[in-house]
Every structure is written in C-alpha cells, then in structure tokens.
Amino acid sequence: MKNPFLKKAILFSFCLLTSAFLLQAQAPQGIPYQAIARNASGAAIANTAVKVRFSIRDSIATGAIKYQETHSPTTSALGLFSVNVGMGTVVSGTFSGINWGKNAKFLQVELDPAGGTSYTDLGTTQMMSVPYALQANAIKMRTSATGDTLYTGGGNYVIIPGISAANPSTGNPNWNGTTLTDIDGNTYQTVTIGNQIWMKENLKVSKYRNGDNIPTNLNDGQWSSATSGAYSFYNNDAASNSVYGKLYNWYAVADTRKLCPSGWHVPTDHDWNIFIKYLDSSSDSTCDVGVCYNSLIAGGMLKSTSALWYNNTGGTNETGFGALPGGVRIGVSGIYYLLGTHAFLWSSTPKNSSSIWYRVLFGSGAEIARHGDCTLSDGFSVRCLKD
C-alpha cells in the first residue's frame, strides 16, 4: 500500500572509500546510505521515526531478491537519516552470502514515514562499481598503476571500471586527485575547471585562518543585526554541516583573518565571471540588462545530480563542481529559506556599500545567475578557489 503523503526519499550519499577495501583482506559488511525524506509538498519529514526496507535484487531491477533487511532510523530536523545497508534487521538472505562478482546487483528502497510496514517504493537503482569492492573478501588482489585493474594472484586480471586507488571517490567527475585541509581538519577534494582549481564541496570551517573562532549560535535578531563575521548551520541543525557546509555572512568573508586555507581564497566577482565564461562562451548574450555573466547553460554543468535538489532539472554535474542546494539564512530576518531549491555562493566583491555580488543556482533549470541584491548579513555558502 502506498502512502499518499510520501513524495520520495532523496538519496544524497551512497559510497564507499574503495581504495581502503582494495588494500585490506576483510571488507566491512555494510554500505553507507544517507537520505532525506520529504512529504508530498517537498518539505522534509523532520524528527520522525521512519521505517526503511532495502532489497538487493539480482541481474535486473525486478530480479530475485538475494537479500532484504529493514531499518528504523529517526530523521533529523532536516529530514536526514543515515544507515548502513547490510547491518539492519534481516528479513531474508545473508549480506555476507551475496556474490557481488556474479551478475549485476540492484538496490530497491522502500520507506514508510509512519514507521510501520506500509511501504512506498522509492525506486530501484543498479549498484555500480562501489559495492563490488566487497569482493575483496573473496580474492587476493592489488591495484594496478591505473587503478582499475585488480590482480587476483592467479595470473588473471579483473577489470572493474570505476574502482581506483588513485581516486577513491566514485561519482566525482574531474576530481584532480588533490585535496586541501582547513584549520579544523576538514579535508576537501578539488576539481580543475579551465585554468582554475576549485573546492568540490562547500566550506565547513569554524575558525579563521589564524585560528580565531568564528562566532555562531546567533538567534534570529542577533544574526540580522550582526556587523562582524558569523556562521550558522541551516535551521540550526549541525547535521547539515556534513552535507551542505556552513552558511557565512559576508562579514566573515571579508574578514582580514581569512576564511579559506592558506593558498586559497573566496572567489572575486571577476573569478566567477572567468569561470562562467569558460563554461558558456555565450554567457554575455544571456545577461539581464546591466548584469552580465548569467548563463542558462553553466548552471546545469555545476549542479550535482543528487536528488537533494528538489524537482531538479538541468543538472548534469559534468564539471564535477557538485553544487548542492544549501539554501540561505536571510539577513533581514535571520530565518532559513530555500533548502533543496537554491544554492547561494558568495563572491568577495562588493557591488556597493550595502550589497555584494554573489551567484545563485536554481533547482528548476540550468541557470546560474549573478546578483548583487543581498545584504551583508545574509548567510550563503562558500567555495574556495586556489590562488
């Protein structure tokens, strides 16, 4: 029976650090899965005990169920839940008995937001390269120099596309193999696009480059009246940090103590213009009057294909930039808004004494727009750019 109030659960993370599996004899018997549950109007199903059922099907999406289990997580204030497939309450089969090396495998996800057994089918997706790292339990192997050939020890080679010791993160196109680490110890992958090197994730740091703490935990009134740097988590939920990063006011962006790690900076408006022009050579012709470097093409190239984008259209993430819809904390009121539908990204360049140039991507369509109608106390995401 389908629940009429359930729209869908939104998968945003289904990954393993495959290089770790390739280098050890025994792989953990579990696959991390994180999602956001939303109701029919698109609102997150927050702080609710839900029931999730996973089925691993063989060969085709409607194939025989080789393993089935349930989980009973409680969602966060953002509707987020996290489980490990393979570590739930077993309904049938054994996770350790799945033969990952034979036939394609498909993961079916069902959810009951009321915590019962009236599941709504959220769809079935082929499990690509990552789960096959579990096959490390069955054979001795080492990774070739190219990272996609596994030596079985018996003179044979097994080609498993997508598993690479050089790049342990699947689903991240154009990752250039380098990372940077902020003063809090957060590590970020980076991506080369044109002649620029960008972070692939939103900034999460809680301190300036010199180690000084950035103020946080401001209530709505304090946020709207702030005249110095501050950050917040969307909806004051720290769980959002691992997905969307932090929301910073522009005073934090402009602070001389610097937000980005050494050798990196918050992009200027000119940096953004170069970036968009590289992706869309016709971007000048698609501007609003007086507001150049909008693009009806580049936005889709930058948007993650994750269903965290509610009603996502146009997102291809072919650049690997992986923009996510982290929403905004509105400066004039301190309230949070537009999570799941908009990504707001700071520049470091003032438009005038009371507003700053920034970029915004929309869930509907493939546009990235240049605006300067924000206030200095608005809370936006930050992507750092290599000096």
Protein backbone atom coordinates (compact mmCIF):
# COMPACT_ATOMS: atom_id res chain seq x y z
CA MET A 1 0.00 0.00 0.00
CA LYS A 2 1.40 3.39 -0.95
CA ASN A 3 1.38 6.26 1.49
CA PRO A 4 -0.27 9.26 -0.28
CA PHE A 5 1.67 11.74 1.83
CA LEU A 6 5.09 10.48 0.93
CA LYS A 7 6.74 12.09 -2.07
CA LYS A 8 10.14 10.46 -2.04
CA ALA A 9 13.29 9.88 -0.05
CA ILE A 10 16.19 11.70 -1.57
CA LEU A 11 19.43 9.82 -1.88
CA PHE A 12 22.48 12.00 -1.46
CA SER A 13 25.20 9.60 -0.45
CA PHE A 14 25.80 6.02 -1.47
CA CYS A 15 29.52 5.48 -1.47
CA LEU A 16 32.47 3.62 -0.05
CA LEU A 17 36.14 4.58 0.07
CA THR A 18 37.05 1.86 -2.36
CA SER A 19 40.80 2.17 -2.10
CA ALA A 20 40.59 1.11 1.53
CA PHE A 21 38.74 -2.07 0.53
CA LEU A 22 41.30 -2.85 -2.12
CA LEU A 23 44.14 -2.77 0.38
CA GLN A 24 42.72 -4.96 3.12
CA ALA A 25 41.79 -8.61 3.27
CA GLN A 26 38.49 -8.19 5.08
CA ALA A 27 35.98 -5.57 3.98
CA PRO A 28 33.31 -4.23 6.36
CA GLN A 29 29.97 -5.83 5.61
CA GLY A 30 27.99 -2.67 5.13
CA ILE A 31 27.32 0.12 2.64
CA PRO A 32 26.70 3.66 4.00
CA TYR A 33 23.37 5.10 2.87
CA GLN A 34 22.07 8.57 3.72
CA ALA A 35 18.87 10.18 2.54
CA ILE A 36 16.33 12.89 3.20
CA ALA A 37 12.64 12.01 3.43
CA ARG A 38 10.17 14.55 2.05
CA ASN A 39 6.40 14.72 2.04
CA ALA A 40 4.18 15.44 -0.96
CA SER A 41 4.75 19.20 -0.71
CA GLY A 42 8.53 18.77 -0.71
CA ALA A 43 9.01 19.56 2.98
CA ALA A 44 11.43 17.41 4.95
CA ILE A 45 9.89 14.82 7.26
CA ALA A 46 11.70 16.03 10.37
CA ASN A 47 12.39 14.37 13.73
CA THR A 48 10.34 11.32 12.84
CA ALA A 49 10.88 7.59 13.39
CA VAL A 50 10.62 6.08 9.92
CA LYS A 51 10.94 2.54 8.56
CA VAL A 52 13.15 1.72 5.59
CA ARG A 53 13.35 -1.57 3.71
CA PHE A 54 16.25 -2.44 1.42
CA SER A 55 16.20 -5.28 -1.09
CA ILE A 56 19.20 -6.34 -3.16
CA ARG A 57 17.98 -7.84 -6.41
CA ASP A 58 19.93 -9.97 -8.83
CA SER A 59 20.60 -9.37 -12.54
CA ILE A 60 17.74 -6.92 -13.28
CA ALA A 61 15.70 -4.36 -11.37
CA THR A 62 12.87 -6.85 -10.92
CA GLY A 63 15.16 -9.81 -10.35
CA ALA A 64 15.16 -12.24 -7.46
CA ILE A 65 15.74 -10.76 -4.02
CA LYS A 66 19.10 -12.04 -2.78
CA TYR A 67 18.94 -10.12 0.49
CA GLN A 68 16.39 -7.97 2.31
CA GLU A 69 16.55 -6.02 5.57
CA THR A 70 14.81 -3.19 7.43
CA HIS A 71 16.00 -0.19 9.44
CA SER A 72 14.14 2.08 11.86
CA PRO A 73 16.09 5.38 11.90
CA THR A 74 14.84 8.70 13.26
CA THR A 75 15.21 11.64 10.91
CA SER A 76 16.97 14.85 11.93
CA ALA A 77 15.46 18.32 11.83
CA LEU A 78 16.41 18.34 8.14
CA GLY A 79 14.69 15.01 7.46
CA LEU A 80 18.08 13.29 7.24
CA PHE A 81 18.65 9.67 8.18
CA SER A 82 21.77 7.51 7.94
CA VAL A 83 22.01 3.72 7.92
CA ASN A 84 24.37 1.00 6.78
CA VAL A 85 22.93 -1.41 4.24
CA GLY A 86 23.91 -4.87 5.43
CA MET A 87 23.63 -4.05 9.12
CA GLY A 88 19.87 -3.89 9.55
CA THR A 89 17.22 -6.35 10.73
CA VAL A 90 17.41 -9.26 8.31
CA VAL A 91 14.20 -10.26 6.52
CA SER A 92 15.70 -12.80 4.13
CA GLY A 93 19.08 -13.96 2.89
CA THR A 94 22.51 -13.06 4.24
CA PHE A 95 24.50 -10.00 3.28
CA SER A 96 27.80 -11.88 3.51
CA GLY A 97 26.41 -14.51 1.14
CA ILE A 98 25.83 -12.10 -1.75
CA ASN A 99 28.03 -12.98 -4.72
CA TRP A 100 28.98 -9.45 -5.86
CA GLY A 101 31.16 -10.83 -8.63
CA LYS A 102 28.31 -12.59 -10.42
CA ASN A 103 25.57 -10.68 -12.28
CA ALA A 104 24.53 -7.07 -11.81
CA LYS A 105 23.01 -6.10 -8.47
CA PHE A 106 20.15 -3.64 -7.92
CA LEU A 107 19.16 -1.85 -4.71
CA GLN A 108 15.45 -1.31 -4.09
CA VAL A 109 14.49 1.21 -1.40
CA GLU A 110 11.09 1.41 0.29
CA LEU A 111 10.03 3.71 3.09
CA ASP A 112 7.14 4.17 5.50
CA PRO A 113 7.31 7.65 7.10
CA ALA A 114 4.97 6.46 9.87
CA GLY A 115 7.46 3.83 10.99
CA GLY A 116 5.24 0.88 10.09
CA THR A 117 5.11 -1.51 7.16
CA SER A 118 3.00 0.46 4.66
CA TYR A 119 5.97 0.97 2.40
CA THR A 120 6.17 3.28 -0.58
CA ASP A 121 8.54 2.07 -3.28
CA LEU A 122 11.15 4.78 -3.89
CA GLY A 123 12.71 3.02 -6.83
CA THR A 124 15.39 0.52 -7.74
CA THR A 125 18.89 1.56 -8.80
CA GLN A 126 21.72 -0.51 -10.20
CA MET A 127 24.63 -0.82 -7.80
CA MET A 128 27.63 0.13 -9.82
CA SER A 129 31.34 -0.26 -9.04
CA VAL A 130 31.45 0.55 -5.34
CA PRO A 131 29.72 -2.49 -3.84
CA TYR A 132 31.97 -4.77 -5.82
CA ALA A 133 34.80 -3.73 -3.51
CA LEU A 134 33.21 -6.15 -1.06
CA GLN A 135 34.58 -8.88 -3.33
CA ALA A 136 37.93 -8.13 -1.66
CA ASN A 137 36.88 -10.75 0.88
CA ALA A 138 36.97 -13.47 -1.76
CA ILE A 139 40.20 -12.90 -3.69
CA LYS A 140 43.71 -11.68 -3.15
CA MET A 141 44.37 -8.64 -5.24
CA ARG A 142 46.34 -5.49 -5.68
CA THR A 143 45.62 -2.39 -7.72
CA SER A 144 47.41 -1.64 -10.94
CA ALA A 145 49.07 1.70 -11.60
CA THR A 146 46.00 2.88 -13.46
CA GLY A 147 43.80 1.98 -10.53
CA ASP A 148 41.21 -0.11 -12.35
CA THR A 149 42.88 -3.50 -12.80
CA LEU A 150 42.81 -5.94 -9.89
CA TYR A 151 45.38 -8.72 -9.78
CA THR A 152 43.80 -11.90 -8.42
CA GLY A 153 47.06 -13.66 -7.64
CA GLY A 154 46.32 -16.47 -10.08
CA GLY A 155 47.58 -14.88 -13.25
CA ASN A 156 44.21 -13.40 -14.12
CA TYR A 157 43.11 -9.78 -14.14
CA VAL A 158 39.64 -8.50 -13.37
CA ILE A 159 38.61 -5.14 -14.81
CA ILE A 160 36.19 -3.29 -12.53
CA PRO A 161 35.53 0.15 -14.04
CA GLY A 162 35.19 2.96 -11.57
CA ILE A 163 37.24 1.47 -8.74
CA SER A 164 40.54 3.27 -8.48
CA ALA A 165 43.23 3.56 -5.85
CA ALA A 166 44.12 6.94 -7.28
CA ASN A 167 40.58 8.22 -6.95
CA PRO A 168 38.70 6.66 -4.02
CA SER A 169 35.55 8.68 -4.58
CA THR A 170 33.15 7.46 -7.24
CA GLY A 171 30.65 9.76 -8.84
CA ASN A 172 33.04 12.73 -8.72
CA PRO A 173 33.92 13.63 -12.31
CA ASN A 174 37.05 15.68 -12.96
CA TRP A 175 38.46 15.19 -9.46
CA ASN A 176 42.08 16.16 -9.95
CA GLY A 177 43.44 13.83 -7.28
CA THR A 178 44.38 16.57 -4.81
CA THR A 179 42.82 17.76 -1.59
CA LEU A 180 43.13 20.64 0.83
CA THR A 181 42.60 20.71 4.57
CA ASP A 182 41.26 23.62 6.61
CA ILE A 183 42.35 24.66 10.10
CA ASP A 184 39.63 22.47 11.67
CA GLY A 185 41.00 19.40 9.88
CA ASN A 186 38.18 19.16 7.32
CA THR A 187 39.50 17.74 4.05
CA TYR A 188 38.07 18.72 0.68
CA GLN A 189 38.54 17.29 -2.79
CA THR A 190 39.32 19.79 -5.51
CA VAL A 191 38.43 20.00 -9.18
CA THR A 192 40.22 21.64 -12.11
CA ILE A 193 37.92 23.56 -14.45
CA GLY A 194 39.64 25.54 -17.17
CA ASN A 195 42.63 27.26 -15.59
CA GLN A 196 41.04 27.38 -12.14
CA ILE A 197 41.11 24.90 -9.26
CA TRP A 198 38.01 24.89 -7.05
CA MET A 199 36.88 23.06 -3.96
CA LYS A 200 34.32 20.36 -4.84
CA GLU A 201 32.44 20.97 -1.57
CA ASN A 202 31.11 23.90 0.42
CA LEU A 203 33.34 25.26 3.16
CA LYS A 204 32.80 23.84 6.68
CA VAL A 205 35.44 25.69 8.70
CA SER A 206 34.58 27.20 12.10
CA LYS A 207 37.76 29.26 12.53
CA TYR A 208 39.59 31.94 10.61
CA ARG A 209 42.92 31.03 9.08
CA ASN A 210 44.79 32.32 12.15
CA GLY A 211 42.85 30.04 14.50
CA ASP A 212 40.37 32.60 15.86
CA ASN A 213 36.87 31.21 16.30
CA ILE A 214 34.09 32.49 14.06
CA PRO A 215 31.04 33.33 16.21
CA THR A 216 27.99 31.10 15.84
CA ASN A 217 24.73 30.15 17.62
CA LEU A 218 23.24 33.59 16.92
CA ASN A 219 19.48 33.87 17.29
CA ASP A 220 17.45 35.50 14.53
CA GLY A 221 17.75 39.00 15.96
CA GLN A 222 21.47 38.70 16.60
CA TRP A 223 22.04 37.35 13.10
CA SER A 224 20.15 40.15 11.38
CA SER A 225 21.90 42.88 13.42
CA ALA A 226 25.42 41.43 13.22
CA THR A 227 28.19 43.68 11.92
CA SER A 228 31.01 41.16 12.21
CA GLY A 229 31.71 37.66 10.97
CA ALA A 230 29.44 34.75 11.92
CA TYR A 231 28.30 31.39 10.61
CA SER A 232 25.35 29.09 11.16
CA PHE A 233 24.06 25.65 10.23
CA TYR A 234 20.88 25.57 8.17
CA ASN A 235 17.93 25.51 10.58
CA ASN A 236 20.50 25.39 13.42
CA ASP A 237 20.96 21.68 12.72
CA ALA A 238 24.63 20.69 12.91
CA ALA A 239 23.85 17.55 10.86
CA SER A 240 23.55 19.76 7.78
CA ASN A 241 27.25 20.64 8.00
CA SER A 242 28.45 17.33 6.57
CA VAL A 243 26.22 17.76 3.52
CA TYR A 244 25.90 21.47 2.79
CA GLY A 245 28.68 23.05 4.83
CA LYS A 246 28.13 26.23 6.81
CA LEU A 247 26.32 29.46 5.94
CA TYR A 248 28.56 32.53 6.43
CA ASN A 249 27.62 36.18 6.50
CA TRP A 250 29.67 38.49 4.31
CA TYR A 251 31.49 39.98 7.27
CA ALA A 252 33.16 36.59 7.72
CA VAL A 253 34.03 36.50 4.00
CA ALA A 254 35.58 39.98 4.18
CA ASP A 255 37.45 39.49 7.47
CA THR A 256 41.20 40.02 7.11
CA ARG A 257 41.84 36.84 9.10
CA LYS A 258 40.59 34.91 6.02
CA LEU A 259 38.10 32.07 5.74
CA CYS A 260 39.86 29.84 3.21
CA PRO A 261 43.00 27.80 3.90
CA SER A 262 46.39 29.28 3.03
CA GLY A 263 46.88 29.40 -0.74
CA TRP A 264 43.12 29.66 -1.34
CA HIS A 265 40.61 32.50 -1.34
CA VAL A 266 36.92 33.29 -1.61
CA PRO A 267 36.44 33.96 -5.35
CA THR A 268 36.09 37.53 -6.51
CA ASP A 269 33.31 38.55 -8.87
CA HIS A 270 35.95 38.58 -11.63
CA ASP A 271 36.92 34.99 -10.75
CA TRP A 272 33.29 33.94 -11.10
CA ASN A 273 32.99 35.79 -14.41
CA ILE A 274 36.01 33.95 -15.82
CA PHE A 275 34.57 30.68 -14.57
CA ILE A 276 31.14 31.14 -16.13
CA LYS A 277 32.60 32.49 -19.37
CA TYR A 278 34.78 29.40 -19.66
CA LEU A 279 31.74 27.13 -19.30
CA ASP A 280 29.47 29.18 -21.53
CA SER A 281 31.11 31.37 -24.14
CA SER A 282 27.73 32.90 -24.98
CA SER A 283 27.07 34.00 -21.39
CA ASP A 284 27.29 37.72 -22.23
CA SER A 285 24.32 37.42 -24.57
CA THR A 286 22.15 35.79 -21.90
CA CYS A 287 22.63 38.53 -19.28
CA ASP A 288 19.91 40.60 -17.77
CA VAL A 289 20.41 44.26 -18.63
CA GLY A 290 23.37 45.53 -16.61
CA VAL A 291 24.02 42.13 -15.01
CA CYS A 292 26.48 40.19 -17.12
CA TYR A 293 27.74 36.64 -16.83
CA ASN A 294 24.44 34.97 -16.18
CA SER A 295 24.24 31.67 -18.00
CA LEU A 296 21.37 29.40 -18.96
CA ILE A 297 23.87 26.60 -19.61
CA ALA A 298 26.62 26.68 -16.99
CA GLY A 299 24.29 26.18 -14.03
CA GLY A 300 23.43 22.67 -15.12
CA MET A 301 27.10 21.85 -15.58
CA LEU A 302 27.76 22.89 -11.98
CA LYS A 303 24.74 21.35 -10.24
CA SER A 304 25.04 17.98 -8.57
CA THR A 305 22.75 15.34 -9.99
CA SER A 306 21.78 14.45 -6.42
CA ALA A 307 18.07 14.34 -5.66
CA LEU A 308 18.78 16.72 -2.79
CA TRP A 309 17.79 19.19 -5.49
CA TYR A 310 14.01 19.12 -5.17
CA ASN A 311 12.50 18.83 -8.63
CA ASN A 312 15.98 19.06 -10.11
CA THR A 313 16.09 19.82 -13.83
CA GLY A 314 19.09 20.54 -16.00
CA GLY A 315 21.71 19.31 -13.55
CA THR A 316 24.45 17.24 -15.19
CA ASN A 317 27.47 17.97 -12.94
CA GLU A 318 29.70 17.37 -15.93
CA THR A 319 32.28 19.73 -14.41
CA GLY A 320 32.43 17.81 -11.13
CA PHE A 321 31.69 21.01 -9.19
CA GLY A 322 28.80 19.26 -7.44
CA ALA A 323 26.77 22.29 -6.30
CA LEU A 324 24.15 21.43 -3.68
CA PRO A 325 21.05 23.44 -2.66
CA GLY A 326 22.15 24.61 0.79
CA GLY A 327 19.62 27.45 1.00
CA VAL A 328 20.13 30.78 2.75
CA ARG A 329 19.86 32.45 6.12
CA ILE A 330 18.13 35.73 5.35
CA GLY A 331 19.94 38.72 6.79
CA VAL A 332 16.99 41.00 7.47
CA SER A 333 15.09 38.39 9.50
CA GLY A 334 17.54 35.63 10.44
CA ILE A 335 15.19 32.92 9.13
CA TYR A 336 16.27 30.00 6.96
CA TYR A 337 14.87 29.54 3.49
CA LEU A 338 15.09 27.63 0.19
CA LEU A 339 16.95 24.49 1.27
CA GLY A 340 16.63 21.97 -1.55
CA THR A 341 15.83 24.53 -4.23
CA HIS A 342 18.65 27.11 -4.33
CA ALA A 343 22.42 27.27 -3.92
CA PHE A 344 23.78 30.70 -2.91
CA LEU A 345 27.53 31.23 -3.25
CA TRP A 346 29.47 34.30 -2.11
CA SER A 347 31.97 36.35 -4.01
CA SER A 348 34.31 38.65 -2.15
CA THR A 349 33.48 41.69 -4.30
CA PRO A 350 31.10 44.46 -3.13
CA LYS A 351 28.56 45.78 -5.60
CA ASN A 352 28.15 48.88 -3.45
CA SER A 353 28.33 49.84 0.23
CA SER A 354 25.35 47.69 1.19
CA SER A 355 25.38 44.64 -1.11
CA ILE A 356 27.79 42.07 -2.57
CA TRP A 357 27.98 40.22 -5.85
CA TYR A 358 27.07 36.56 -5.50
CA ARG A 359 25.93 33.61 -7.61
CA VAL A 360 22.75 31.57 -7.27
CA LEU A 361 21.74 28.27 -8.88
CA PHE A 362 18.13 27.14 -9.11
CA GLY A 363 16.59 23.69 -8.79
CA SER A 364 14.43 24.24 -11.82
CA GLY A 365 16.57 24.75 -14.90
CA ALA A 366 20.27 25.00 -15.67
CA GLU A 367 20.87 28.69 -14.93
CA ILE A 368 23.48 30.30 -12.74
CA ALA A 369 22.69 33.96 -12.14
CA ARG A 370 24.81 36.87 -10.97
CA HIS A 371 23.13 39.13 -8.43
CA GLY A 372 24.08 41.89 -6.04
CA ASP A 373 20.85 42.37 -4.13
CA CYS A 374 21.92 40.63 -0.94
CA THR A 375 22.65 42.24 2.42
CA LEU A 376 25.92 41.94 4.29
CA SER A 377 24.24 39.80 6.93
CA ASP A 378 22.81 37.22 4.52
CA GLY A 379 24.14 33.70 5.12
CA PHE A 380 25.45 31.99 1.99
CA SER A 381 27.70 29.02 1.19
CA VAL A 382 31.38 29.47 0.28
CA ARG A 383 33.52 27.69 -2.28
CA CYS A 384 37.25 28.41 -2.08
CA LEU A 385 39.39 28.95 -5.18
CA LYS A 386 43.13 28.25 -5.42
CA ASP A 387 45.29 31.39 -5.53
